C-alpha atoms as a PDB file:
ATOM      1  CA  MET A   1      62.775 -23.987 -42.165  1.00  0.00           C
ATOM      2  CA  SER A   2      60.639 -23.648 -39.009  1.00  0.00           C
ATOM      3  CA  THR A   3      61.878 -22.860 -35.544  1.00  0.00           C
ATOM      4  CA  ASN A   4      60.401 -24.539 -32.532  1.00  0.00           C
ATOM      5  CA  THR A   5      60.475 -21.233 -30.595  1.00  0.00           C
ATOM      6  CA  GLU A   6      57.123 -20.419 -28.873  1.00  0.00           C
ATOM      7  CA  TYR A   7      56.359 -16.986 -27.728  1.00  0.00           C
ATOM      8  CA  ILE A   8      53.405 -15.013 -26.240  1.00  0.00           C
ATOM      9  CA  VAL A   9      51.885 -11.885 -27.732  1.00  0.00           C
ATOM     10  CA  VAL A  10      49.418  -9.819 -25.647  1.00  0.00           C
ATOM     11  CA  SER A  11      47.146  -7.673 -27.808  1.00  0.00           C
ATOM     12  CA  PRO A  12      44.007  -5.605 -27.328  1.00  0.00           C
ATOM     13  CA  ILE A  13      40.888  -6.879 -28.920  1.00  0.00           C
ATOM     14  CA  PHE A  14      39.918  -4.516 -31.653  1.00  0.00           C
ATOM     15  CA  GLU A  15      36.665  -6.036 -32.851  1.00  0.00           C
ATOM     16  CA  LYS A  16      34.421  -8.858 -31.630  1.00  0.00           C
ATOM     17  CA  HIS A  17      32.209 -10.811 -34.064  1.00  0.00           C
ATOM     18  CA  GLU A  18      29.325 -12.955 -33.093  1.00  0.00           C
ATOM     19  CA  SER A  19      28.938 -16.253 -34.837  1.00  0.00           C
ATOM     20  CA  TYR A  20      26.497 -16.513 -37.695  1.00  0.00           C
ATOM     21  CA  LYS A  21      24.834 -19.750 -38.414  1.00  0.00           C
ATOM     22  CA  ARG A  22      27.652 -22.335 -38.172  1.00  0.00           C
ATOM     23  CA  SER A  23      30.636 -20.030 -38.186  1.00  0.00           C
ATOM     24  CA  PRO A  24      32.527 -19.536 -34.935  1.00  0.00           C
ATOM     25  CA  ASN A  25      32.778 -16.414 -32.919  1.00  0.00           C
ATOM     26  CA  SER A  26      35.982 -14.334 -33.772  1.00  0.00           C
ATOM     27  CA  ILE A  27      38.006 -11.458 -32.590  1.00  0.00           C
ATOM     28  CA  VAL A  28      40.411  -9.134 -34.328  1.00  0.00           C
ATOM     29  CA  VAL A  29      43.762  -8.604 -32.673  1.00  0.00           C
ATOM     30  CA  GLN A  30      47.224  -7.219 -33.657  1.00  0.00           C
ATOM     31  CA  ILE A  31      50.090  -9.806 -34.292  1.00  0.00           C
ATOM     32  CA  GLU A  32      53.382  -8.552 -35.331  1.00  0.00           C
ATOM     33  CA  GLY A  33      51.992  -5.211 -36.524  1.00  0.00           C
ATOM     34  CA  THR A  34      49.194  -6.726 -38.564  1.00  0.00           C
ATOM     35  CA  LYS A  35      45.483  -6.978 -37.691  1.00  0.00           C
ATOM     36  CA  LYS A  36      44.341 -10.606 -37.836  1.00  0.00           C
ATOM     37  CA  GLU A  37      40.995 -12.152 -37.291  1.00  0.00           C
ATOM     38  CA  ILE A  38      41.111 -15.346 -34.968  1.00  0.00           C
ATOM     39  CA  ASN A  39      38.324 -17.806 -34.414  1.00  0.00           C
ATOM     40  CA  ILE A  40      37.390 -18.378 -30.866  1.00  0.00           C
ATOM     41  CA  HIS A  41      35.890 -21.708 -30.188  1.00  0.00           C
ATOM     42  CA  ASN A  42      36.185 -22.057 -26.438  1.00  0.00           C
ATOM     43  CA  TYR A  43      34.127 -19.021 -25.432  1.00  0.00           C
ATOM     44  CA  ASP A  44      30.569 -18.015 -26.244  1.00  0.00           C
ATOM     45  CA  PHE A  45      29.891 -14.432 -27.277  1.00  0.00           C
ATOM     46  CA  LYS A  46      28.731 -13.240 -23.893  1.00  0.00           C
ATOM     47  CA  GLU A  47      32.071 -14.223 -22.342  1.00  0.00           C
ATOM     48  CA  ILE A  48      34.047 -12.701 -25.222  1.00  0.00           C
ATOM     49  CA  SER A  49      32.221  -9.322 -24.774  1.00  0.00           C
ATOM     50  CA  MET A  50      33.507  -9.126 -21.234  1.00  0.00           C
ATOM     51  CA  TYR A  51      37.237  -9.363 -22.175  1.00  0.00           C
ATOM     52  CA  ASN A  52      39.475  -6.608 -23.490  1.00  0.00           C
ATOM     53  CA  PHE A  53      42.830  -8.435 -24.238  1.00  0.00           C
ATOM     54  CA  ALA A  54      43.981 -11.605 -25.899  1.00  0.00           C
ATOM     55  CA  GLU A  55      47.064 -13.628 -24.894  1.00  0.00           C
ATOM     56  CA  ILE A  56      48.057 -15.486 -27.957  1.00  0.00           C
ATOM     57  CA  LYS A  57      50.654 -18.233 -27.967  1.00  0.00           C
ATOM     58  CA  ILE A  58      52.510 -18.417 -31.296  1.00  0.00           C
ATOM     59  CA  LYS A  59      55.061 -20.609 -32.979  1.00  0.00           C
ATOM     60  CA  LYS A  60      57.014 -19.681 -36.064  1.00  0.00           C
ATOM     61  CA  GLY A  61      56.310 -22.142 -38.966  1.00  0.00           C
ATOM     62  CA  TYR A  62      57.843 -22.428 -42.339  1.00  0.00           C
ATOM     63  CA  TRP A  63      59.136 -19.073 -43.902  1.00  0.00           C
ATOM     64  CA  ASN A  64      58.456 -17.426 -40.517  1.00  0.00           C
ATOM     65  CA  PHE A  65      54.664 -17.733 -40.889  1.00  0.00           C
ATOM     66  CA  PRO A  66      53.060 -17.394 -37.351  1.00  0.00           C
ATOM     67  CA  ILE A  67      50.994 -20.472 -36.177  1.00  0.00           C
ATOM     68  CA  ILE A  68      48.672 -19.764 -33.431  1.00  0.00           C
ATOM     69  CA  LEU A  69      48.662 -22.470 -30.756  1.00  0.00           C
ATOM     70  CA  GLU A  70      46.469 -21.198 -28.095  1.00  0.00           C
ATOM     71  CA  THR A  71      44.407 -18.195 -27.344  1.00  0.00           C
ATOM     72  CA  LYS A  72      43.262 -16.908 -23.835  1.00  0.00           C
ATOM     73  CA  LEU A  73      41.215 -14.045 -23.248  1.00  0.00           C
ATOM     74  CA  SER A  74      41.783 -11.612 -20.266  1.00  0.00           C
ATOM     75  CA  ILE A  75      40.124  -8.534 -18.837  1.00  0.00           C
ATOM     76  CA  SER A  76      43.474  -6.494 -18.469  1.00  0.00           C
ATOM     77  CA  LYS A  77      47.067  -6.895 -19.403  1.00  0.00           C
END
């Protein structure tokens, strides 16, 4: 069963990857103790390179699998 509980995780950005051909820009963040790569569609790479932290809005799906609802980038916590 899923829960409709939404929560926000603030994580430092460990890696930043520029898009290649048709793939989107991506960042590597830590969610629940695991490093995960997240595609970032709303920012170009010049903007991403300025930010140090990501604020990730998450909802628990079936079997407690985290579903990313929204990602905002910020310079500091």
